[in-house]
Amino acid sequence: MKRCPKCNRKYEDDTLKFCLEDGSSLSIAVRDPDPPRTEIMPPRVQPTLKTSADPTIPSYLNAGDFRPAPSEVRAANPVLTAGVIAIVLLLLALVGIAGFFVFKQSGGNEAKMNPADSPTPNRGASPTVREGSPNNNSEITTSESQTGTPLKIAAISSSVRLAVQANTYYPANAIDGKRSTAWIEGVDGPGLGEWIRFDFDREINLHRILIQPGYFKSPQIWAENNRISSLTAYFSDGTSRELAFTDRMESQKVDIGSVRTKWVKFVIKSVYSGSDPDTAISEVAFEWDK
């Protein structure tokens, strides 16, 4: 064995003459007569696995707690509650405003009939619906002041316009005492030749007919729909009358003298044209006695 006197590096190869690190001449190394004793290491103990029924839950002591402090939770809850209450109150306010406008709109569309220009029976109050069904006929009752005996009237027609949303156009609408409803015929075109008939429960002496020719729900609707210009009134005694009307949105009365009849049938003869080709009659009433 050789040793470098400068860096004390030892080489087992005795044939080397110079140090491979610093190039110094190597010298023969003298072996230590008393080498260190061999240290005996203690036997290696194999680790044993600890078995447990409960799973080990790792803890992160230095990772920081992500949960908010109790004081922060208590502070956040009132804010959240107040926000929810504010949203609920806002929604209730919006629903109330919408309901108000819907109610106002529906109330405006259903204008009441003015007693001054509405056709009503001469001997009693306005007609009230006695029986009715969603078809082409309905029975009403009118009061007769002299005897107190009610007159029942049933209305039928040759055709009916289909309902539009909640608006219906049955013949009974012509005797319900409301100018906001109407009978409207249901054929293509102006409805010439279509008819509406009123049957009484007994024979009466009919003197005058009151009629609202057109759809009197509003001036705009009245102008849009066809209005009756003339019609033929037929009676059960076999007679008839030609009735003519002016093109004005007002109740019109026709005197027919005295006709003994159990029913009256109106047949459309001519109309005043509107933008809507259907022809309407809002109200019909009769003045009569026994």
C-alpha atoms as a PDB file:
ATOM      1  CA  MET A   1       0.000   0.000   0.000  1.00  0.00           C
ATOM      2  CA  LYS A   2       1.227   3.467  -0.848  1.00  0.00           C
ATOM      3  CA  ARG A   3       0.234   6.851   0.611  1.00  0.00           C
ATOM      4  CA  CYS A   4       0.400  10.428  -0.665  1.00  0.00           C
ATOM      5  CA  PRO A   5       2.334  12.493   1.889  1.00  0.00           C
ATOM      6  CA  LYS A   6       0.495  15.619   0.827  1.00  0.00           C
ATOM      7  CA  CYS A   7      -3.164  14.577   0.775  1.00  0.00           C
ATOM      8  CA  ASN A   8      -2.793  11.288   2.752  1.00  0.00           C
ATOM      9  CA  ARG A   9      -4.716   9.438   0.085  1.00  0.00           C
ATOM     10  CA  LYS A  10      -3.977   5.700   0.138  1.00  0.00           C
ATOM     11  CA  TYR A  11      -3.626   3.432  -2.863  1.00  0.00           C
ATOM     12  CA  GLU A  12      -3.705  -0.373  -2.792  1.00  0.00           C
ATOM     13  CA  ASP A  13      -1.854  -0.553  -6.110  1.00  0.00           C
ATOM     14  CA  ASP A  14       1.872  -0.676  -5.230  1.00  0.00           C
ATOM     15  CA  THR A  15       2.899  -0.013  -8.813  1.00  0.00           C
ATOM     16  CA  LEU A  16       1.698   3.613  -8.608  1.00  0.00           C
ATOM     17  CA  LYS A  17       4.424   6.220  -8.070  1.00  0.00           C
ATOM     18  CA  PHE A  18       2.476   9.479  -8.119  1.00  0.00           C
ATOM     19  CA  CYS A  19      -0.754  10.620  -6.452  1.00  0.00           C
ATOM     20  CA  LEU A  20      -3.650  10.731  -8.801  1.00  0.00           C
ATOM     21  CA  GLU A  21      -5.003  13.848  -7.058  1.00  0.00           C
ATOM     22  CA  ASP A  22      -2.046  16.208  -6.693  1.00  0.00           C
ATOM     23  CA  GLY A  23       0.797  14.382  -8.500  1.00  0.00           C
ATOM     24  CA  SER A  24       3.017  14.041  -5.382  1.00  0.00           C
ATOM     25  CA  SER A  25       5.393  11.082  -5.109  1.00  0.00           C
ATOM     26  CA  LEU A  26       3.846   8.251  -3.184  1.00  0.00           C
ATOM     27  CA  SER A  27       5.534   6.641  -0.240  1.00  0.00           C
ATOM     28  CA  ILE A  28       5.052   3.214   1.215  1.00  0.00           C
ATOM     29  CA  ALA A  29       2.387   3.353   3.932  1.00  0.00           C
ATOM     30  CA  VAL A  30       3.176   1.709   7.248  1.00  0.00           C
ATOM     31  CA  ARG A  31       0.320  -0.478   8.489  1.00  0.00           C
ATOM     32  CA  ASP A  32      -1.190   0.294  11.874  1.00  0.00           C
ATOM     33  CA  PRO A  33       0.025  -2.381  14.232  1.00  0.00           C
ATOM     34  CA  ASP A  34      -3.147  -2.010  16.336  1.00  0.00           C
ATOM     35  CA  PRO A  35      -6.121  -1.595  14.020  1.00  0.00           C
ATOM     36  CA  PRO A  36      -9.462  -0.695  15.570  1.00  0.00           C
ATOM     37  CA  ARG A  37     -11.578  -3.478  16.812  1.00  0.00           C
ATOM     38  CA  THR A  38     -14.442  -4.719  14.784  1.00  0.00           C
ATOM     39  CA  GLU A  39     -17.678  -3.340  16.206  1.00  0.00           C
ATOM     40  CA  ILE A  40     -20.467  -5.828  16.557  1.00  0.00           C
ATOM     41  CA  MET A  41     -23.801  -4.315  15.613  1.00  0.00           C
ATOM     42  CA  PRO A  42     -26.862  -5.324  17.600  1.00  0.00           C
ATOM     43  CA  PRO A  43     -29.253  -7.705  15.849  1.00  0.00           C
ATOM     44  CA  ARG A  44     -31.781  -5.993  13.602  1.00  0.00           C
ATOM     45  CA  VAL A  45     -35.290  -6.225  14.957  1.00  0.00           C
ATOM     46  CA  GLN A  46     -38.099  -6.539  12.438  1.00  0.00           C
ATOM     47  CA  PRO A  47     -40.887  -4.037  13.111  1.00  0.00           C
ATOM     48  CA  THR A  48     -44.231  -5.513  14.061  1.00  0.00           C
ATOM     49  CA  LEU A  49     -47.495  -4.167  12.629  1.00  0.00           C
ATOM     50  CA  LYS A  50     -49.960  -2.905  15.166  1.00  0.00           C
ATOM     51  CA  THR A  51     -53.454  -4.180  14.536  1.00  0.00           C
ATOM     52  CA  SER A  52     -56.402  -2.203  15.744  1.00  0.00           C
ATOM     53  CA  ALA A  53     -60.128  -2.297  15.126  1.00  0.00           C
ATOM     54  CA  ASP A  54     -60.315   1.483  14.828  1.00  0.00           C
ATOM     55  CA  PRO A  55     -58.861   3.188  11.757  1.00  0.00           C
ATOM     56  CA  THR A  56     -56.074   5.616  12.305  1.00  0.00           C
ATOM     57  CA  ILE A  57     -57.141   9.161  11.595  1.00  0.00           C
ATOM     58  CA  PRO A  58     -54.270  11.328  10.429  1.00  0.00           C
ATOM     59  CA  SER A  59     -53.935  14.658  12.120  1.00  0.00           C
ATOM     60  CA  TYR A  60     -52.571  17.757  10.511  1.00  0.00           C
ATOM     61  CA  LEU A  61     -51.342  19.825  13.352  1.00  0.00           C
ATOM     62  CA  ASN A  62     -49.548  22.424  11.274  1.00  0.00           C
ATOM     63  CA  ALA A  63     -51.791  22.529   8.221  1.00  0.00           C
ATOM     64  CA  GLY A  64     -54.130  25.172   9.631  1.00  0.00           C
ATOM     65  CA  ASP A  65     -57.822  24.830  10.483  1.00  0.00           C
ATOM     66  CA  PHE A  66     -60.025  25.707   7.517  1.00  0.00           C
ATOM     67  CA  ARG A  67     -63.248  25.861   9.573  1.00  0.00           C
ATOM     68  CA  PRO A  68     -64.419  29.347  10.561  1.00  0.00           C
ATOM     69  CA  ALA A  69     -64.255  30.312  14.156  1.00  0.00           C
ATOM     70  CA  PRO A  70     -67.520  30.048  16.138  1.00  0.00           C
ATOM     71  CA  SER A  71     -67.688  33.825  16.371  1.00  0.00           C
ATOM     72  CA  GLU A  72     -67.487  34.116  12.564  1.00  0.00           C
ATOM     73  CA  VAL A  73     -70.309  31.559  12.152  1.00  0.00           C
ATOM     74  CA  ARG A  74     -72.493  33.466  14.583  1.00  0.00           C
ATOM     75  CA  ALA A  75     -71.776  36.708  12.740  1.00  0.00           C
ATOM     76  CA  ALA A  76     -72.567  35.232   9.315  1.00  0.00           C
ATOM     77  CA  ASN A  77     -75.926  33.615  10.256  1.00  0.00           C
ATOM     78  CA  PRO A  78     -77.841  36.893  10.922  1.00  0.00           C
ATOM     79  CA  VAL A  79     -76.598  38.336   7.633  1.00  0.00           C
ATOM     80  CA  LEU A  80     -77.751  35.245   5.722  1.00  0.00           C
ATOM     81  CA  THR A  81     -81.128  35.275   7.476  1.00  0.00           C
ATOM     82  CA  ALA A  82     -81.648  38.950   6.717  1.00  0.00           C
ATOM     83  CA  GLY A  83     -80.797  38.351   3.050  1.00  0.00           C
ATOM     84  CA  VAL A  84     -83.307  35.503   2.742  1.00  0.00           C
ATOM     85  CA  ILE A  85     -86.050  37.590   4.400  1.00  0.00           C
ATOM     86  CA  ALA A  86     -85.351  40.512   2.059  1.00  0.00           C
ATOM     87  CA  ILE A  87     -85.622  38.254  -1.015  1.00  0.00           C
ATOM     88  CA  VAL A  88     -88.923  36.753   0.206  1.00  0.00           C
ATOM     89  CA  LEU A  89     -90.399  40.199   0.872  1.00  0.00           C
ATOM     90  CA  LEU A  90     -89.327  41.383  -2.585  1.00  0.00           C
ATOM     91  CA  LEU A  91     -90.974  38.378  -4.258  1.00  0.00           C
ATOM     92  CA  LEU A  92     -94.194  38.934  -2.296  1.00  0.00           C
ATOM     93  CA  ALA A  93     -94.222  42.581  -3.341  1.00  0.00           C
ATOM     94  CA  LEU A  94     -93.775  41.664  -7.016  1.00  0.00           C
ATOM     95  CA  VAL A  95     -96.593  39.094  -6.833  1.00  0.00           C
ATOM     96  CA  GLY A  96     -98.865  41.659  -5.187  1.00  0.00           C
ATOM     97  CA  ILE A  97     -98.149  44.284  -7.851  1.00  0.00           C
ATOM     98  CA  ALA A  98     -98.762  41.769 -10.663  1.00  0.00           C
ATOM     99  CA  GLY A  99    -102.043  40.651  -9.068  1.00  0.00           C
ATOM    100  CA  PHE A 100    -103.191  44.267  -8.722  1.00  0.00           C
ATOM    101  CA  PHE A 101    -102.622  45.000 -12.402  1.00  0.00           C
ATOM    102  CA  VAL A 102    -104.326  41.754 -13.489  1.00  0.00           C
ATOM    103  CA  PHE A 103    -107.345  42.544 -11.305  1.00  0.00           C
ATOM    104  CA  LYS A 104    -107.480  46.120 -12.609  1.00  0.00           C
ATOM    105  CA  GLN A 105    -107.268  44.932 -16.215  1.00  0.00           C
ATOM    106  CA  SER A 106    -110.025  42.338 -15.801  1.00  0.00           C
ATOM    107  CA  GLY A 107    -112.227  44.868 -14.036  1.00  0.00           C
ATOM    108  CA  GLY A 108    -111.795  47.355 -16.864  1.00  0.00           C
ATOM    109  CA  ASN A 109    -112.708  44.777 -19.496  1.00  0.00           C
ATOM    110  CA  GLU A 110    -115.944  43.834 -17.755  1.00  0.00           C
ATOM    111  CA  ALA A 111    -117.590  47.270 -17.839  1.00  0.00           C
ATOM    112  CA  LYS A 112    -121.066  47.347 -16.356  1.00  0.00           C
ATOM    113  CA  MET A 113    -124.080  48.147 -18.483  1.00  0.00           C
ATOM    114  CA  ASN A 114    -125.400  51.687 -18.070  1.00  0.00           C
ATOM    115  CA  PRO A 115    -129.092  51.492 -17.056  1.00  0.00           C
ATOM    116  CA  ALA A 116    -129.826  54.629 -19.086  1.00  0.00           C
ATOM    117  CA  ASP A 117    -128.942  53.019 -22.429  1.00  0.00           C
ATOM    118  CA  SER A 118    -129.398  49.300 -21.704  1.00  0.00           C
ATOM    119  CA  PRO A 119    -132.392  47.376 -22.989  1.00  0.00           C
ATOM    120  CA  THR A 120    -134.429  46.095 -20.048  1.00  0.00           C
ATOM    121  CA  PRO A 121    -137.932  44.639 -19.868  1.00  0.00           C
ATOM    122  CA  ASN A 122    -140.660  47.220 -19.338  1.00  0.00           C
ATOM    123  CA  ARG A 123    -142.414  45.133 -16.704  1.00  0.00           C
ATOM    124  CA  GLY A 124    -139.682  44.016 -14.368  1.00  0.00           C
ATOM    125  CA  ALA A 125    -136.044  43.911 -13.461  1.00  0.00           C
ATOM    126  CA  SER A 126    -133.119  42.987 -15.701  1.00  0.00           C
ATOM    127  CA  PRO A 127    -133.041  39.343 -16.787  1.00  0.00           C
ATOM    128  CA  THR A 128    -131.176  36.931 -14.553  1.00  0.00           C
ATOM    129  CA  VAL A 129    -129.861  33.533 -15.624  1.00  0.00           C
ATOM    130  CA  ARG A 130    -132.137  30.733 -14.433  1.00  0.00           C
ATOM    131  CA  GLU A 131    -130.502  27.750 -16.084  1.00  0.00           C
ATOM    132  CA  GLY A 132    -127.594  27.546 -18.468  1.00  0.00           C
ATOM    133  CA  SER A 133    -125.018  25.276 -20.040  1.00  0.00           C
ATOM    134  CA  PRO A 134    -122.070  25.767 -22.436  1.00  0.00           C
ATOM    135  CA  ASN A 135    -124.101  25.092 -25.557  1.00  0.00           C
ATOM    136  CA  ASN A 136    -126.483  26.953 -27.850  1.00  0.00           C
ATOM    137  CA  ASN A 137    -129.326  27.428 -25.407  1.00  0.00           C
ATOM    138  CA  SER A 138    -130.011  28.807 -21.954  1.00  0.00           C
ATOM    139  CA  GLU A 139    -133.082  29.714 -19.933  1.00  0.00           C
ATOM    140  CA  ILE A 140    -133.516  33.016 -18.105  1.00  0.00           C
ATOM    141  CA  THR A 141    -136.207  34.565 -15.961  1.00  0.00           C
ATOM    142  CA  THR A 142    -137.655  38.081 -16.158  1.00  0.00           C
ATOM    143  CA  SER A 143    -139.960  39.595 -13.549  1.00  0.00           C
ATOM    144  CA  GLU A 144    -143.440  40.797 -14.502  1.00  0.00           C
ATOM    145  CA  SER A 145    -144.503  43.553 -12.130  1.00  0.00           C
ATOM    146  CA  GLN A 146    -148.286  43.491 -12.600  1.00  0.00           C
ATOM    147  CA  THR A 147    -148.866  39.835 -11.783  1.00  0.00           C
ATOM    148  CA  GLY A 148    -145.518  38.867 -10.262  1.00  0.00           C
ATOM    149  CA  THR A 149    -145.385  35.874 -12.592  1.00  0.00           C
ATOM    150  CA  PRO A 150    -141.898  35.397 -14.057  1.00  0.00           C
ATOM    151  CA  LEU A 151    -141.441  34.899 -17.780  1.00  0.00           C
ATOM    152  CA  LYS A 152    -138.908  32.253 -18.685  1.00  0.00           C
ATOM    153  CA  ILE A 153    -136.942  32.737 -21.892  1.00  0.00           C
ATOM    154  CA  ALA A 154    -134.703  30.185 -23.603  1.00  0.00           C
ATOM    155  CA  ALA A 155    -132.202  31.335 -26.262  1.00  0.00           C
ATOM    156  CA  ILE A 156    -130.864  29.200 -29.121  1.00  0.00           C
ATOM    157  CA  SER A 157    -128.996  30.058 -32.319  1.00  0.00           C
ATOM    158  CA  SER A 158    -127.979  28.630 -35.670  1.00  0.00           C
ATOM    159  CA  SER A 159    -124.261  28.951 -34.919  1.00  0.00           C
ATOM    160  CA  VAL A 160    -121.836  30.232 -32.279  1.00  0.00           C
ATOM    161  CA  ARG A 161    -118.346  31.614 -32.617  1.00  0.00           C
ATOM    162  CA  LEU A 162    -115.668  29.553 -30.884  1.00  0.00           C
ATOM    163  CA  ALA A 163    -114.548  30.793 -27.482  1.00  0.00           C
ATOM    164  CA  VAL A 164    -111.437  32.965 -27.306  1.00  0.00           C
ATOM    165  CA  GLN A 165    -109.631  32.244 -24.029  1.00  0.00           C
ATOM    166  CA  ALA A 166    -112.268  32.967 -21.321  1.00  0.00           C
ATOM    167  CA  ASN A 167    -114.634  34.818 -23.666  1.00  0.00           C
ATOM    168  CA  THR A 168    -117.653  32.832 -24.867  1.00  0.00           C
ATOM    169  CA  TYR A 169    -120.318  33.903 -27.376  1.00  0.00           C
ATOM    170  CA  TYR A 170    -123.391  31.768 -26.573  1.00  0.00           C
ATOM    171  CA  PRO A 171    -126.925  32.970 -27.436  1.00  0.00           C
ATOM    172  CA  ALA A 172    -127.694  33.256 -23.703  1.00  0.00           C
ATOM    173  CA  ASN A 173    -125.227  36.176 -23.611  1.00  0.00           C
ATOM    174  CA  ALA A 174    -127.829  38.264 -25.455  1.00  0.00           C
ATOM    175  CA  ILE A 175    -130.245  38.070 -22.491  1.00  0.00           C
ATOM    176  CA  ASP A 176    -127.887  38.113 -19.491  1.00  0.00           C
ATOM    177  CA  GLY A 177    -128.184  41.862 -18.840  1.00  0.00           C
ATOM    178  CA  LYS A 178    -124.482  42.516 -19.539  1.00  0.00           C
ATOM    179  CA  ARG A 179    -123.268  44.705 -22.369  1.00  0.00           C
ATOM    180  CA  SER A 180    -119.780  43.220 -21.960  1.00  0.00           C
ATOM    181  CA  THR A 181    -121.005  39.868 -23.382  1.00  0.00           C
ATOM    182  CA  ALA A 182    -122.564  39.083 -26.744  1.00  0.00           C
ATOM    183  CA  TRP A 183    -123.922  36.400 -29.025  1.00  0.00           C
ATOM    184  CA  ILE A 184    -121.676  36.135 -32.091  1.00  0.00           C
ATOM    185  CA  GLU A 185    -122.541  33.889 -35.022  1.00  0.00           C
ATOM    186  CA  GLY A 186    -119.916  31.343 -35.997  1.00  0.00           C
ATOM    187  CA  VAL A 187    -119.947  30.944 -39.796  1.00  0.00           C
ATOM    188  CA  ASP A 188    -117.474  32.349 -42.303  1.00  0.00           C
ATOM    189  CA  GLY A 189    -118.255  35.821 -43.558  1.00  0.00           C
ATOM    190  CA  PRO A 190    -120.701  38.373 -42.107  1.00  0.00           C
ATOM    191  CA  GLY A 191    -123.236  35.720 -41.031  1.00  0.00           C
ATOM    192  CA  LEU A 192    -126.095  36.702 -43.335  1.00  0.00           C
ATOM    193  CA  GLY A 193    -128.969  34.263 -42.827  1.00  0.00           C
ATOM    194  CA  GLU A 194    -127.770  33.201 -39.350  1.00  0.00           C
ATOM    195  CA  TRP A 195    -130.371  33.477 -36.631  1.00  0.00           C
ATOM    196  CA  ILE A 196    -130.990  33.663 -32.895  1.00  0.00           C
ATOM    197  CA  ARG A 197    -134.335  32.635 -31.376  1.00  0.00           C
ATOM    198  CA  PHE A 198    -135.973  33.427 -28.021  1.00  0.00           C
ATOM    199  CA  ASP A 199    -138.632  30.995 -26.757  1.00  0.00           C
ATOM    200  CA  PHE A 200    -141.065  32.086 -24.004  1.00  0.00           C
ATOM    201  CA  ASP A 201    -142.661  29.700 -21.519  1.00  0.00           C
ATOM    202  CA  ARG A 202    -146.112  30.996 -22.507  1.00  0.00           C
ATOM    203  CA  GLU A 203    -147.814  33.131 -25.136  1.00  0.00           C
ATOM    204  CA  ILE A 204    -147.511  36.896 -24.595  1.00  0.00           C
ATOM    205  CA  ASN A 205    -148.540  40.147 -26.235  1.00  0.00           C
ATOM    206  CA  LEU A 206    -145.243  41.577 -27.489  1.00  0.00           C
ATOM    207  CA  HIS A 207    -145.154  45.352 -28.060  1.00  0.00           C
ATOM    208  CA  ARG A 208    -141.558  46.502 -28.333  1.00  0.00           C
ATOM    209  CA  ILE A 209    -138.117  44.993 -28.850  1.00  0.00           C
ATOM    210  CA  LEU A 210    -134.993  46.599 -27.373  1.00  0.00           C
ATOM    211  CA  ILE A 211    -131.662  45.623 -28.891  1.00  0.00           C
ATOM    212  CA  GLN A 212    -127.965  46.503 -28.729  1.00  0.00           C
ATOM    213  CA  PRO A 213    -126.746  45.745 -32.291  1.00  0.00           C
ATOM    214  CA  GLY A 214    -123.038  44.937 -32.069  1.00  0.00           C
ATOM    215  CA  TYR A 215    -120.490  43.967 -29.434  1.00  0.00           C
ATOM    216  CA  PHE A 216    -120.849  46.685 -26.752  1.00  0.00           C
ATOM    217  CA  LYS A 217    -117.884  45.576 -24.608  1.00  0.00           C
ATOM    218  CA  SER A 218    -115.944  48.713 -25.599  1.00  0.00           C
ATOM    219  CA  PRO A 219    -116.080  51.297 -28.422  1.00  0.00           C
ATOM    220  CA  GLN A 220    -113.009  49.740 -30.019  1.00  0.00           C
ATOM    221  CA  ILE A 221    -114.458  46.212 -29.960  1.00  0.00           C
ATOM    222  CA  TRP A 222    -117.825  47.537 -31.193  1.00  0.00           C
ATOM    223  CA  ALA A 223    -116.103  49.139 -34.209  1.00  0.00           C
ATOM    224  CA  GLU A 224    -114.039  46.031 -34.955  1.00  0.00           C
ATOM    225  CA  ASN A 225    -117.002  43.619 -35.154  1.00  0.00           C
ATOM    226  CA  ASN A 226    -119.883  43.672 -37.645  1.00  0.00           C
ATOM    227  CA  ARG A 227    -123.034  45.400 -36.405  1.00  0.00           C
ATOM    228  CA  ILE A 228    -126.627  44.557 -37.318  1.00  0.00           C
ATOM    229  CA  SER A 229    -127.956  46.884 -40.022  1.00  0.00           C
ATOM    230  CA  SER A 230    -131.253  45.076 -40.585  1.00  0.00           C
ATOM    231  CA  LEU A 231    -132.876  41.793 -39.636  1.00  0.00           C
ATOM    232  CA  THR A 232    -136.168  39.983 -40.061  1.00  0.00           C
ATOM    233  CA  ALA A 233    -138.140  39.194 -36.903  1.00  0.00           C
ATOM    234  CA  TYR A 234    -140.392  36.118 -37.137  1.00  0.00           C
ATOM    235  CA  PHE A 235    -143.180  35.301 -34.635  1.00  0.00           C
ATOM    236  CA  SER A 236    -145.084  32.156 -33.747  1.00  0.00           C
ATOM    237  CA  ASP A 237    -148.352  33.552 -35.173  1.00  0.00           C
ATOM    238  CA  GLY A 238    -146.787  33.378 -38.656  1.00  0.00           C
ATOM    239  CA  THR A 239    -146.135  37.106 -39.041  1.00  0.00           C
ATOM    240  CA  SER A 240    -142.805  38.870 -39.440  1.00  0.00           C
ATOM    241  CA  ARG A 241    -141.327  42.372 -39.264  1.00  0.00           C
ATOM    242  CA  GLU A 242    -138.359  43.989 -41.019  1.00  0.00           C
ATOM    243  CA  LEU A 243    -136.271  45.829 -38.413  1.00  0.00           C
ATOM    244  CA  ALA A 244    -133.600  48.399 -39.293  1.00  0.00           C
ATOM    245  CA  PHE A 245    -130.957  49.929 -37.006  1.00  0.00           C
ATOM    246  CA  THR A 246    -128.606  52.889 -37.152  1.00  0.00           C
ATOM    247  CA  ASP A 247    -124.827  52.364 -36.933  1.00  0.00           C
ATOM    248  CA  ARG A 248    -124.429  53.876 -33.466  1.00  0.00           C
ATOM    249  CA  MET A 249    -123.224  52.305 -30.260  1.00  0.00           C
ATOM    250  CA  GLU A 250    -126.473  52.763 -28.366  1.00  0.00           C
ATOM    251  CA  SER A 251    -129.536  50.767 -27.376  1.00  0.00           C
ATOM    252  CA  GLN A 252    -132.305  50.944 -29.983  1.00  0.00           C
ATOM    253  CA  LYS A 253    -136.024  50.304 -29.502  1.00  0.00           C
ATOM    254  CA  VAL A 254    -138.403  49.038 -32.177  1.00  0.00           C
ATOM    255  CA  ASP A 255    -142.185  49.280 -31.783  1.00  0.00           C
ATOM    256  CA  ILE A 256    -143.989  46.336 -33.391  1.00  0.00           C
ATOM    257  CA  GLY A 257    -147.528  47.154 -32.244  1.00  0.00           C
ATOM    258  CA  SER A 258    -148.996  44.083 -30.562  1.00  0.00           C
ATOM    259  CA  VAL A 259    -148.077  40.570 -31.616  1.00  0.00           C
ATOM    260  CA  ARG A 260    -149.406  37.453 -29.877  1.00  0.00           C
ATOM    261  CA  THR A 261    -146.456  35.046 -29.880  1.00  0.00           C
ATOM    262  CA  LYS A 262    -144.578  32.360 -27.966  1.00  0.00           C
ATOM    263  CA  TRP A 263    -141.221  33.043 -29.564  1.00  0.00           C
ATOM    264  CA  VAL A 264    -139.221  35.551 -31.594  1.00  0.00           C
ATOM    265  CA  LYS A 265    -136.631  34.636 -34.202  1.00  0.00           C
ATOM    266  CA  PHE A 266    -134.129  37.181 -35.558  1.00  0.00           C
ATOM    267  CA  VAL A 267    -132.535  36.414 -38.951  1.00  0.00           C
ATOM    268  CA  ILE A 268    -129.577  38.592 -39.984  1.00  0.00           C
ATOM    269  CA  LYS A 269    -130.328  40.412 -43.221  1.00  0.00           C
ATOM    270  CA  SER A 270    -127.535  43.027 -43.556  1.00  0.00           C
ATOM    271  CA  VAL A 271    -124.659  44.369 -41.461  1.00  0.00           C
ATOM    272  CA  TYR A 272    -122.365  47.342 -40.979  1.00  0.00           C
ATOM    273  CA  SER A 273    -118.896  45.937 -41.647  1.00  0.00           C
ATOM    274  CA  GLY A 274    -116.022  46.028 -39.190  1.00  0.00           C
ATOM    275  CA  SER A 275    -112.477  44.713 -39.410  1.00  0.00           C
ATOM    276  CA  ASP A 276    -113.668  41.454 -37.790  1.00  0.00           C
ATOM    277  CA  PRO A 277    -116.157  39.710 -40.149  1.00  0.00           C
ATOM    278  CA  ASP A 278    -118.235  38.178 -37.328  1.00  0.00           C
ATOM    279  CA  THR A 279    -121.591  39.797 -36.447  1.00  0.00           C
ATOM    280  CA  ALA A 280    -122.620  40.348 -32.827  1.00  0.00           C
ATOM    281  CA  ILE A 281    -125.671  41.240 -30.718  1.00  0.00           C
ATOM    282  CA  SER A 282    -124.919  42.239 -27.115  1.00  0.00           C
ATOM    283  CA  GLU A 283    -128.400  42.486 -25.578  1.00  0.00           C
ATOM    284  CA  VAL A 284    -132.065  41.888 -26.427  1.00  0.00           C
ATOM    285  CA  ALA A 285    -135.069  42.628 -24.197  1.00  0.00           C
ATOM    286  CA  PHE A 286    -138.848  42.672 -24.693  1.00  0.00           C
ATOM    287  CA  GLU A 287    -141.735  44.828 -23.550  1.00  0.00           C
ATOM    288  CA  TRP A 288    -144.898  42.754 -23.261  1.00  0.00           C
ATOM    289  CA  ASP A 289    -148.059  42.033 -21.364  1.00  0.00           C
ATOM    290  CA  LYS A 290    -150.579  39.205 -21.182  1.00  0.00           C
END
